Amino acid sequence: MKPATLTLDDERLYPETPDRATFHHHVARYEFARGRLAGSGRVLDAGCGTGYGTHLLSRKRAFTLGIDYAAQALEYARARYAAPNLSFAAMNCHRLALADSTFDCVVCLEVFEHLEDSDAFLAECRRVLRPGGRLILSTPNQETHDLHMKSIGRKNEFHINLMGLRGLKKMLRQHFDAVEIYGQRRRGSRLYAALRAMDVFNLRLRLVGSRERETLQKTMGVLVGAEAQPEAWMFSRSQLRQANTFVAVCRKKEVRER
């Protein structure tokens, strides 16, 4: 179960946050999703939080709906973002109060790890997607997430459904006809890219402290902290075990006319 003391500031980011690095890390995923939206169709942002990402997704779309169960987050989103093609609603991700086959894309970023019944959620995503529609979902890489949290002496009690690469692929393929997994990681020099590619056992997280790791990254052209704008992150289908975050692009099969 998720902690009962969940508040807006615990896990839901907002544009004014002083933690610019984490905010830009999240925005980069929304930009990735926005770049894979086809046409001007209907988009659902499941677990929209404070709505900044929903607003990004709504540009040049016929209609975008952001849903969340937190009243405080939705109040913030409605007050800050207003457009004829943008709406926010209170809804449970496990039971979407939406008609079948009504959206061209469902976007769900950094929500999956909080869900108590991921199978029910994925089934609901498939149900509301039109034939040929896509789910774009992100979630932390369990291996690198756990190593990082250990290195800084913390534990995220809100993450109750973390998955490794194999488990995530297996679950997504049970619900969708085509699944592609991308890894989000920092950009850097050629030396940084080469060293990271060789670190298949994530030794940088096991043996090097977070401050020392950040210092080494800076020497190899990696932008860290507030300097790490959304453009400082890249998404690749290689070196997935070393990724900070997985981003899955899943497709519902199109219905062919006979």
Protein backbone atom coordinates (compact mmCIF):
# COMPACT_ATOMS: atom_id res chain seq x y z
CA MET A 1 0.00 0.00 0.00
CA LYS A 2 1.16 3.56 -0.67
CA PRO A 3 1.94 5.70 2.41
CA ALA A 4 -1.12 7.44 3.84
CA THR A 5 0.73 10.76 4.15
CA LEU A 6 1.15 11.34 0.41
CA THR A 7 1.15 15.06 -0.42
CA LEU A 8 1.75 17.19 -3.47
CA ASP A 9 5.39 17.74 -2.53
CA ASP A 10 6.23 14.10 -1.84
CA GLU A 11 6.21 12.71 -5.38
CA ARG A 12 4.33 15.17 -7.59
CA LEU A 13 6.59 17.74 -9.17
CA TYR A 14 5.54 21.26 -10.00
CA PRO A 15 7.29 23.83 -12.23
CA GLU A 16 8.40 26.01 -9.30
CA THR A 17 10.30 23.22 -7.55
CA PRO A 18 13.84 24.17 -6.50
CA ASP A 19 14.96 20.67 -7.56
CA ARG A 20 15.52 21.64 -11.18
CA ALA A 21 17.49 18.48 -12.00
CA THR A 22 14.61 16.16 -11.12
CA PHE A 23 12.07 18.40 -12.83
CA HIS A 24 14.05 18.48 -16.09
CA HIS A 25 14.57 14.71 -15.83
CA HIS A 26 10.76 14.35 -15.89
CA VAL A 27 10.20 16.97 -18.60
CA ALA A 28 12.62 15.08 -20.86
CA ARG A 29 10.31 12.07 -20.73
CA TYR A 30 7.30 14.17 -21.67
CA GLU A 31 9.25 15.60 -24.60
CA PHE A 32 10.14 12.04 -25.66
CA ALA A 33 6.45 11.09 -25.53
CA ARG A 34 5.37 14.23 -27.37
CA GLY A 35 7.78 13.42 -30.19
CA ARG A 36 6.08 10.07 -30.69
CA LEU A 37 2.51 11.29 -30.85
CA ALA A 38 1.15 10.79 -34.34
CA GLY A 39 -1.21 13.36 -35.83
CA SER A 40 -3.57 15.54 -33.83
CA GLY A 41 -5.55 12.84 -32.06
CA ARG A 42 -6.81 12.32 -28.53
CA VAL A 43 -4.29 11.82 -25.70
CA LEU A 44 -4.77 10.59 -22.14
CA ASP A 45 -2.17 11.48 -19.50
CA ALA A 46 -2.72 8.91 -16.75
CA GLY A 47 -1.39 10.12 -13.42
CA CYS A 48 -0.91 13.69 -14.63
CA GLY A 49 0.02 15.17 -11.26
CA THR A 50 0.27 18.95 -11.45
CA GLY A 51 -0.39 19.02 -15.18
CA TYR A 52 2.79 20.54 -16.58
CA GLY A 53 3.39 17.48 -18.77
CA THR A 54 -0.24 17.26 -19.85
CA HIS A 55 0.06 20.85 -21.03
CA LEU A 56 3.13 19.92 -23.12
CA LEU A 57 1.30 16.95 -24.64
CA SER A 58 -1.73 19.08 -25.56
CA ARG A 59 0.11 21.21 -28.10
CA LYS A 60 -1.36 20.63 -31.57
CA ARG A 61 -3.64 17.85 -30.26
CA ALA A 62 -7.39 17.63 -30.80
CA PHE A 63 -7.97 16.83 -27.13
CA THR A 64 -5.82 15.94 -24.12
CA LEU A 65 -7.17 14.68 -20.80
CA GLY A 66 -5.08 14.57 -17.64
CA ILE A 67 -6.29 12.34 -14.82
CA ASP A 68 -5.14 11.91 -11.23
CA TYR A 69 -6.68 10.91 -7.90
CA ALA A 70 -5.12 13.78 -5.91
CA ALA A 71 -7.46 16.76 -5.54
CA GLN A 72 -4.65 19.15 -4.63
CA ALA A 73 -2.66 18.31 -7.76
CA LEU A 74 -5.73 18.67 -10.00
CA GLU A 75 -6.62 22.01 -8.41
CA TYR A 76 -3.14 23.26 -9.23
CA ALA A 77 -3.33 21.94 -12.82
CA ARG A 78 -6.73 23.50 -13.55
CA ALA A 79 -5.65 26.87 -12.15
CA ARG A 80 -2.43 27.01 -14.14
CA TYR A 81 -3.26 25.37 -17.47
CA ALA A 82 -6.37 26.28 -19.42
CA ALA A 83 -7.06 25.58 -23.09
CA PRO A 84 -10.09 24.51 -25.17
CA ASN A 85 -8.41 21.18 -25.99
CA LEU A 86 -7.19 20.44 -22.45
CA SER A 87 -9.10 19.04 -19.50
CA PHE A 88 -8.37 17.49 -16.09
CA ALA A 89 -10.44 14.97 -14.15
CA ALA A 90 -10.30 12.99 -10.91
CA MET A 91 -10.04 9.31 -11.74
CA ASN A 92 -8.62 6.00 -10.54
CA CYS A 93 -6.05 4.57 -12.95
CA HIS A 94 -7.16 1.03 -12.11
CA ARG A 95 -10.74 1.76 -13.23
CA LEU A 96 -10.85 4.37 -15.98
CA ALA A 97 -14.28 5.97 -16.28
CA LEU A 98 -13.82 6.26 -20.04
CA ALA A 99 -15.43 4.60 -23.04
CA ASP A 100 -13.71 1.87 -25.04
CA SER A 101 -11.43 2.82 -27.96
CA THR A 102 -11.57 6.58 -27.39
CA PHE A 103 -7.88 7.59 -27.28
CA ASP A 104 -5.04 7.44 -29.80
CA CYS A 105 -2.36 7.48 -27.12
CA VAL A 106 -2.12 6.91 -23.37
CA VAL A 107 0.89 8.48 -21.66
CA CYS A 108 1.83 7.27 -18.17
CA LEU A 109 5.12 8.63 -16.85
CA GLU A 110 6.57 7.72 -13.44
CA VAL A 111 3.23 6.36 -12.21
CA PHE A 112 3.53 2.64 -12.90
CA GLU A 113 5.82 2.04 -9.92
CA HIS A 114 3.12 3.44 -7.60
CA LEU A 115 0.30 1.18 -8.80
CA GLU A 116 -0.94 -1.69 -6.67
CA ASP A 117 -2.47 -3.60 -9.60
CA SER A 118 -0.39 -3.03 -12.73
CA ASP A 119 -2.22 -5.72 -14.72
CA ALA A 120 -5.57 -4.00 -14.15
CA PHE A 121 -4.09 -0.68 -15.24
CA LEU A 122 -2.55 -2.09 -18.42
CA ALA A 123 -5.83 -3.81 -19.31
CA GLU A 124 -7.62 -0.49 -18.88
CA CYS A 125 -5.07 1.29 -21.09
CA ARG A 126 -5.60 -1.27 -23.83
CA ARG A 127 -9.37 -0.97 -23.49
CA VAL A 128 -9.51 2.82 -23.95
CA LEU A 129 -7.00 2.82 -26.82
CA ARG A 130 -8.21 2.74 -30.38
CA PRO A 131 -6.88 -0.02 -32.68
CA GLY A 132 -3.32 0.96 -33.57
CA GLY A 133 -3.11 3.21 -30.51
CA ARG A 134 -0.03 3.42 -28.29
CA LEU A 135 0.81 3.41 -24.62
CA ILE A 136 3.96 5.35 -23.68
CA LEU A 137 4.97 4.36 -20.16
CA SER A 138 8.00 5.15 -18.04
CA THR A 139 9.18 3.61 -14.79
CA PRO A 140 12.51 3.46 -12.92
CA ASN A 141 14.94 0.67 -13.69
CA GLN A 142 14.75 -1.38 -10.49
CA GLU A 143 18.44 -2.34 -10.56
CA THR A 144 19.90 1.16 -10.93
CA HIS A 145 17.16 2.69 -8.77
CA ASP A 146 17.92 0.41 -5.83
CA LEU A 147 21.68 0.88 -6.17
CA HIS A 148 21.32 4.66 -6.32
CA MET A 149 19.02 4.81 -3.29
CA LYS A 150 21.45 2.61 -1.33
CA SER A 151 24.38 4.86 -2.29
CA ILE A 152 22.62 7.92 -0.85
CA GLY A 153 21.25 6.09 2.19
CA ARG A 154 17.59 6.51 1.34
CA LYS A 155 14.54 4.39 0.54
CA ASN A 156 11.53 5.48 -1.51
CA GLU A 157 8.49 4.03 0.24
CA PHE A 158 6.22 5.30 -2.53
CA HIS A 159 7.73 2.91 -5.09
CA ILE A 160 5.81 -0.30 -4.44
CA ASN A 161 5.92 -1.80 -7.95
CA LEU A 162 9.46 -1.55 -9.30
CA MET A 163 10.50 -3.86 -12.13
CA GLY A 164 13.61 -5.01 -13.90
CA LEU A 165 13.92 -5.16 -17.66
CA ARG A 166 12.85 -8.78 -18.07
CA GLY A 167 9.80 -8.51 -15.81
CA LEU A 168 8.64 -5.28 -17.42
CA LYS A 169 8.89 -6.70 -20.94
CA LYS A 170 7.00 -9.84 -19.95
CA MET A 171 4.15 -7.93 -18.36
CA LEU A 172 3.76 -5.42 -21.19
CA ARG A 173 3.75 -8.17 -23.82
CA GLN A 174 0.85 -9.84 -22.03
CA HIS A 175 -1.29 -6.80 -22.82
CA PHE A 176 0.13 -5.29 -26.02
CA ASP A 177 0.98 -6.63 -29.46
CA ALA A 178 4.26 -4.74 -29.94
CA VAL A 179 6.60 -3.44 -27.24
CA GLU A 180 9.78 -1.36 -27.57
CA ILE A 181 11.85 -0.44 -24.51
CA TYR A 182 14.10 2.63 -24.39
CA GLY A 183 16.51 3.61 -21.65
CA GLN A 184 16.89 7.17 -20.39
CA ARG A 185 20.40 8.21 -19.45
CA ARG A 186 22.64 11.27 -19.41
CA ARG A 187 24.50 12.59 -22.42
CA GLY A 188 28.25 13.04 -22.12
CA SER A 189 31.56 12.86 -23.93
CA ARG A 190 32.64 9.88 -26.03
CA LEU A 191 34.76 8.72 -23.11
CA TYR A 192 31.77 8.82 -20.78
CA ALA A 193 29.64 6.90 -23.28
CA ALA A 194 32.35 4.27 -23.74
CA LEU A 195 32.93 3.78 -20.01
CA ARG A 196 29.22 3.54 -19.34
CA ALA A 197 28.77 1.00 -22.12
CA MET A 198 31.41 -1.22 -20.49
CA ASP A 199 29.81 -0.95 -17.05
CA VAL A 200 27.36 -3.81 -17.62
CA PHE A 201 27.29 -4.64 -13.89
CA ASN A 202 26.59 -1.02 -12.85
CA LEU A 203 29.78 -0.90 -10.78
CA ARG A 204 29.70 2.91 -10.84
CA LEU A 205 26.64 2.69 -8.58
CA ARG A 206 27.96 -0.15 -6.43
CA LEU A 207 31.46 1.16 -5.72
CA VAL A 208 31.40 4.96 -6.14
CA GLY A 209 29.57 7.38 -3.84
CA SER A 210 27.03 9.82 -5.29
CA ARG A 211 29.19 12.94 -4.81
CA GLU A 212 32.29 11.30 -6.26
CA ARG A 213 30.22 9.99 -9.15
CA GLU A 214 28.90 13.47 -9.88
CA THR A 215 32.43 14.92 -9.85
CA LEU A 216 33.61 12.26 -12.31
CA GLN A 217 30.63 12.91 -14.57
CA LYS A 218 31.45 16.62 -14.75
CA THR A 219 35.00 15.87 -15.91
CA MET A 220 33.54 13.86 -18.81
CA GLY A 221 31.16 16.50 -20.14
CA VAL A 222 28.05 15.38 -18.28
CA LEU A 223 25.66 18.09 -17.17
CA VAL A 224 24.49 17.49 -13.60
CA GLY A 225 22.31 19.28 -11.08
CA ALA A 226 20.49 22.40 -12.24
CA GLU A 227 22.57 22.46 -15.44
CA ALA A 228 20.95 19.22 -16.63
CA GLN A 229 18.20 20.65 -18.84
CA PRO A 230 15.80 18.25 -20.63
CA GLU A 231 18.18 18.20 -23.61
CA ALA A 232 20.89 16.71 -21.37
CA TRP A 233 19.07 13.37 -21.41
CA MET A 234 19.00 10.81 -24.18
CA PHE A 235 16.83 7.77 -24.94
CA SER A 236 18.29 4.64 -26.50
CA ARG A 237 17.35 1.00 -27.04
CA SER A 238 20.90 -0.09 -26.17
CA GLN A 239 22.57 -0.47 -22.74
CA LEU A 240 19.18 -0.88 -21.09
CA ARG A 241 20.57 -2.41 -17.90
CA GLN A 242 22.51 0.81 -17.25
CA ALA A 243 19.51 3.09 -17.82
CA ASN A 244 18.12 5.30 -15.07
CA THR A 245 14.59 4.88 -16.34
CA PHE A 246 12.80 2.60 -18.80
CA VAL A 247 10.42 4.13 -21.34
CA ALA A 248 8.17 1.64 -23.12
CA VAL A 249 6.30 2.32 -26.36
CA CYS A 250 3.52 -0.27 -26.67
CA ARG A 251 1.11 -0.66 -29.56
CA LYS A 252 -2.38 -2.10 -29.72
CA LYS A 253 -2.92 -4.14 -32.86
CA GLU A 254 -4.84 -2.52 -35.67
CA VAL A 255 -8.05 -4.18 -36.83
CA ARG A 256 -7.85 -5.01 -40.52
CA GLU A 257 -10.95 -5.04 -42.64
CA ARG A 258 -11.78 -8.35 -44.29
